[in-house]
């Protein structure tokens, strides 16, 4: 269950709606039929209401959906969520972000070495 939900959010929802605003503007489908632009109760429930929702959503898009959000989706298995996430591979975007960070750190280290 954890792997399926994680994959769906990371590879489907976050790809189609990489920002909170795009997810909110989507008027039907994943987040319920809404006749006008408004925050979805589902998004609010999972990521937080008010000003916390967009930030938490953006963090999940960048790093992959975490156990805090998954625990709201599957509360009956809260203890198993952390364990499942530890054994699952990183989402592609999170892995790519870490690879870019490592490449930047290598460039800085090489530049520092050349200056010495």
C-alpha atoms as a PDB file:
ATOM      1  CA  UNK A   1       0.000   0.000   0.000  1.00  0.00           C
ATOM      2  CA  UNK A   2       2.792   2.437   0.912  1.00  0.00           C
ATOM      3  CA  UNK A   3       4.721   1.700  -2.289  1.00  0.00           C
ATOM      4  CA  UNK A   4       1.621   2.121  -4.463  1.00  0.00           C
ATOM      5  CA  UNK A   5       0.532   5.412  -2.886  1.00  0.00           C
ATOM      6  CA  UNK A   6       4.071   6.738  -2.916  1.00  0.00           C
ATOM      7  CA  UNK A   7       4.528   5.858  -6.577  1.00  0.00           C
ATOM      8  CA  UNK A   8       1.162   7.354  -7.544  1.00  0.00           C
ATOM      9  CA  UNK A   9       1.878  10.681  -5.847  1.00  0.00           C
ATOM     10  CA  UNK A  10       5.531  10.908  -6.923  1.00  0.00           C
ATOM     11  CA  UNK A  11       5.180   9.689 -10.500  1.00  0.00           C
ATOM     12  CA  UNK A  12       1.644  10.746 -11.423  1.00  0.00           C
ATOM     13  CA  UNK A  13       0.260  13.586  -9.304  1.00  0.00           C
ATOM     14  CA  UNK A  14       3.471  15.543  -8.707  1.00  0.00           C
ATOM     15  CA  UNK A  15       4.451  15.201 -12.373  1.00  0.00           C
ATOM     16  CA  UNK A  16       1.088  16.506 -13.610  1.00  0.00           C
ATOM     17  CA  UNK A  17       0.757  19.109 -10.839  1.00  0.00           C
ATOM     18  CA  UNK A  18       4.253  20.182  -9.750  1.00  0.00           C
ATOM     19  CA  UNK A  19       2.916  23.155  -7.773  1.00  0.00           C
ATOM     20  CA  UNK A  20       0.162  23.634  -5.216  1.00  0.00           C
ATOM     21  CA  UNK A  21      -1.475  26.207  -7.479  1.00  0.00           C
ATOM     22  CA  UNK A  22      -1.700  23.760 -10.374  1.00  0.00           C
ATOM     23  CA  UNK A  23      -3.202  21.107  -8.105  1.00  0.00           C
ATOM     24  CA  UNK A  24      -5.736  23.604  -6.736  1.00  0.00           C
ATOM     25  CA  UNK A  25      -6.674  24.816 -10.225  1.00  0.00           C
ATOM     26  CA  UNK A  26      -7.428  21.262 -11.332  1.00  0.00           C
ATOM     27  CA  UNK A  27     -11.206  21.230 -11.001  1.00  0.00           C
ATOM     28  CA  UNK A  28     -11.952  17.494 -11.066  1.00  0.00           C
ATOM     29  CA  UNK A  29     -10.360  14.083 -10.998  1.00  0.00           C
ATOM     30  CA  UNK A  30      -7.817  13.365  -8.307  1.00  0.00           C
ATOM     31  CA  UNK A  31      -8.967  15.909  -5.756  1.00  0.00           C
ATOM     32  CA  UNK A  32     -12.726  15.926  -6.174  1.00  0.00           C
ATOM     33  CA  UNK A  33     -15.044  17.846  -8.474  1.00  0.00           C
ATOM     34  CA  UNK A  34     -14.880  21.558  -7.645  1.00  0.00           C
ATOM     35  CA  UNK A  35     -16.833  24.086  -9.716  1.00  0.00           C
ATOM     36  CA  UNK A  36     -14.507  27.000  -8.856  1.00  0.00           C
ATOM     37  CA  UNK A  37     -10.855  27.402  -7.927  1.00  0.00           C
ATOM     38  CA  UNK A  38     -10.559  26.573  -4.234  1.00  0.00           C
ATOM     39  CA  UNK A  39      -8.392  24.432  -2.048  1.00  0.00           C
ATOM     40  CA  UNK A  40      -9.306  20.802  -2.089  1.00  0.00           C
ATOM     41  CA  UNK A  41     -10.294  19.230   1.222  1.00  0.00           C
ATOM     42  CA  UNK A  42      -8.052  16.312   0.251  1.00  0.00           C
ATOM     43  CA  UNK A  43      -5.017  18.509  -0.332  1.00  0.00           C
ATOM     44  CA  UNK A  44      -5.726  20.414   2.882  1.00  0.00           C
ATOM     45  CA  UNK A  45      -6.113  17.202   4.865  1.00  0.00           C
ATOM     46  CA  UNK A  46      -2.858  15.693   3.587  1.00  0.00           C
ATOM     47  CA  UNK A  47      -0.597  18.757   3.316  1.00  0.00           C
ATOM     48  CA  UNK A  48      -2.130  21.258   5.720  1.00  0.00           C
ATOM     49  CA  UNK A  49      -4.464  24.215   5.532  1.00  0.00           C
ATOM     50  CA  UNK A  50      -3.679  27.872   5.049  1.00  0.00           C
ATOM     51  CA  UNK A  51      -0.092  28.826   4.382  1.00  0.00           C
ATOM     52  CA  UNK A  52       1.364  25.432   5.408  1.00  0.00           C
ATOM     53  CA  UNK A  53      -0.249  23.461   2.576  1.00  0.00           C
ATOM     54  CA  UNK A  54       1.685  24.920  -0.372  1.00  0.00           C
ATOM     55  CA  UNK A  55       5.026  24.616   1.433  1.00  0.00           C
ATOM     56  CA  UNK A  56       4.428  21.032   2.492  1.00  0.00           C
ATOM     57  CA  UNK A  57       3.252  20.161  -1.013  1.00  0.00           C
ATOM     58  CA  UNK A  58       6.367  21.742  -2.564  1.00  0.00           C
ATOM     59  CA  UNK A  59       8.585  19.836  -0.144  1.00  0.00           C
ATOM     60  CA  UNK A  60       6.874  16.590  -1.097  1.00  0.00           C
ATOM     61  CA  UNK A  61       7.270  17.355  -4.810  1.00  0.00           C
ATOM     62  CA  UNK A  62      10.985  17.993  -4.336  1.00  0.00           C
ATOM     63  CA  UNK A  63      11.872  15.226  -1.870  1.00  0.00           C
ATOM     64  CA  UNK A  64       9.129  12.677  -2.489  1.00  0.00           C
ATOM     65  CA  UNK A  65       6.056  12.120  -0.403  1.00  0.00           C
ATOM     66  CA  UNK A  66       7.010  11.406   3.200  1.00  0.00           C
ATOM     67  CA  UNK A  67       5.671   9.347   6.038  1.00  0.00           C
ATOM     68  CA  UNK A  68       3.810  12.292   7.621  1.00  0.00           C
ATOM     69  CA  UNK A  69       1.566  12.640   4.570  1.00  0.00           C
ATOM     70  CA  UNK A  70       1.316   8.900   3.993  1.00  0.00           C
ATOM     71  CA  UNK A  71       0.283   8.438   7.642  1.00  0.00           C
ATOM     72  CA  UNK A  72      -2.714  10.689   6.973  1.00  0.00           C
ATOM     73  CA  UNK A  73      -3.642   8.510   3.995  1.00  0.00           C
ATOM     74  CA  UNK A  74      -3.155   5.149   5.693  1.00  0.00           C
ATOM     75  CA  UNK A  75      -3.445   5.803   9.440  1.00  0.00           C
ATOM     76  CA  UNK A  76      -4.106   2.191  10.350  1.00  0.00           C
ATOM     77  CA  UNK A  77      -0.558   1.266   9.256  1.00  0.00           C
ATOM     78  CA  UNK A  78       1.345   4.216  10.720  1.00  0.00           C
ATOM     79  CA  UNK A  79       4.066   2.045  12.286  1.00  0.00           C
ATOM     80  CA  UNK A  80       4.755   0.194   9.051  1.00  0.00           C
ATOM     81  CA  UNK A  81       5.034   3.321   6.898  1.00  0.00           C
ATOM     82  CA  UNK A  82       8.489   4.367   8.099  1.00  0.00           C
ATOM     83  CA  UNK A  83       9.833   0.857   7.684  1.00  0.00           C
ATOM     84  CA  UNK A  84       8.403   0.576   4.180  1.00  0.00           C
ATOM     85  CA  UNK A  85       9.907   3.920   3.160  1.00  0.00           C
ATOM     86  CA  UNK A  86      13.339   2.849   4.439  1.00  0.00           C
ATOM     87  CA  UNK A  87      13.440  -0.145   2.095  1.00  0.00           C
ATOM     88  CA  UNK A  88      11.890   1.489  -0.973  1.00  0.00           C
ATOM     89  CA  UNK A  89      14.223   3.183  -3.473  1.00  0.00           C
ATOM     90  CA  UNK A  90      14.268   6.973  -3.625  1.00  0.00           C
ATOM     91  CA  UNK A  91      11.807   8.611  -6.003  1.00  0.00           C
ATOM     92  CA  UNK A  92      13.421   9.689  -9.286  1.00  0.00           C
ATOM     93  CA  UNK A  93      13.140  13.415  -8.581  1.00  0.00           C
ATOM     94  CA  UNK A  94      14.642  13.069  -5.110  1.00  0.00           C
ATOM     95  CA  UNK A  95      17.460  10.908  -6.467  1.00  0.00           C
ATOM     96  CA  UNK A  96      18.141  13.407  -9.278  1.00  0.00           C
ATOM     97  CA  UNK A  97      18.166  16.269  -6.760  1.00  0.00           C
ATOM     98  CA  UNK A  98      20.718  14.448  -4.614  1.00  0.00           C
ATOM     99  CA  UNK A  99      22.847  13.689  -7.669  1.00  0.00           C
ATOM    100  CA  UNK A 100      22.808  17.373  -8.697  1.00  0.00           C
ATOM    101  CA  UNK A 101      23.773  18.386  -5.165  1.00  0.00           C
ATOM    102  CA  UNK A 102      26.658  15.886  -5.138  1.00  0.00           C
ATOM    103  CA  UNK A 103      27.848  17.157  -8.547  1.00  0.00           C
ATOM    104  CA  UNK A 104      27.841  20.762  -7.280  1.00  0.00           C
ATOM    105  CA  UNK A 105      29.781  19.710  -4.180  1.00  0.00           C
ATOM    106  CA  UNK A 106      32.342  17.893  -6.372  1.00  0.00           C
ATOM    107  CA  UNK A 107      32.741  20.996  -8.532  1.00  0.00           C
ATOM    108  CA  UNK A 108      33.327  23.158  -5.466  1.00  0.00           C
ATOM    109  CA  UNK A 109      35.861  20.675  -4.072  1.00  0.00           C
ATOM    110  CA  UNK A 110      37.702  20.483  -7.422  1.00  0.00           C
ATOM    111  CA  UNK A 111      37.732  24.271  -7.681  1.00  0.00           C
ATOM    112  CA  UNK A 112      39.123  24.528  -4.139  1.00  0.00           C
ATOM    113  CA  UNK A 113      41.797  21.928  -4.981  1.00  0.00           C
ATOM    114  CA  UNK A 114      42.897  23.897  -8.054  1.00  0.00           C
ATOM    115  CA  UNK A 115      43.268  27.090  -6.029  1.00  0.00           C
ATOM    116  CA  UNK A 116      45.630  25.376  -3.567  1.00  0.00           C
END
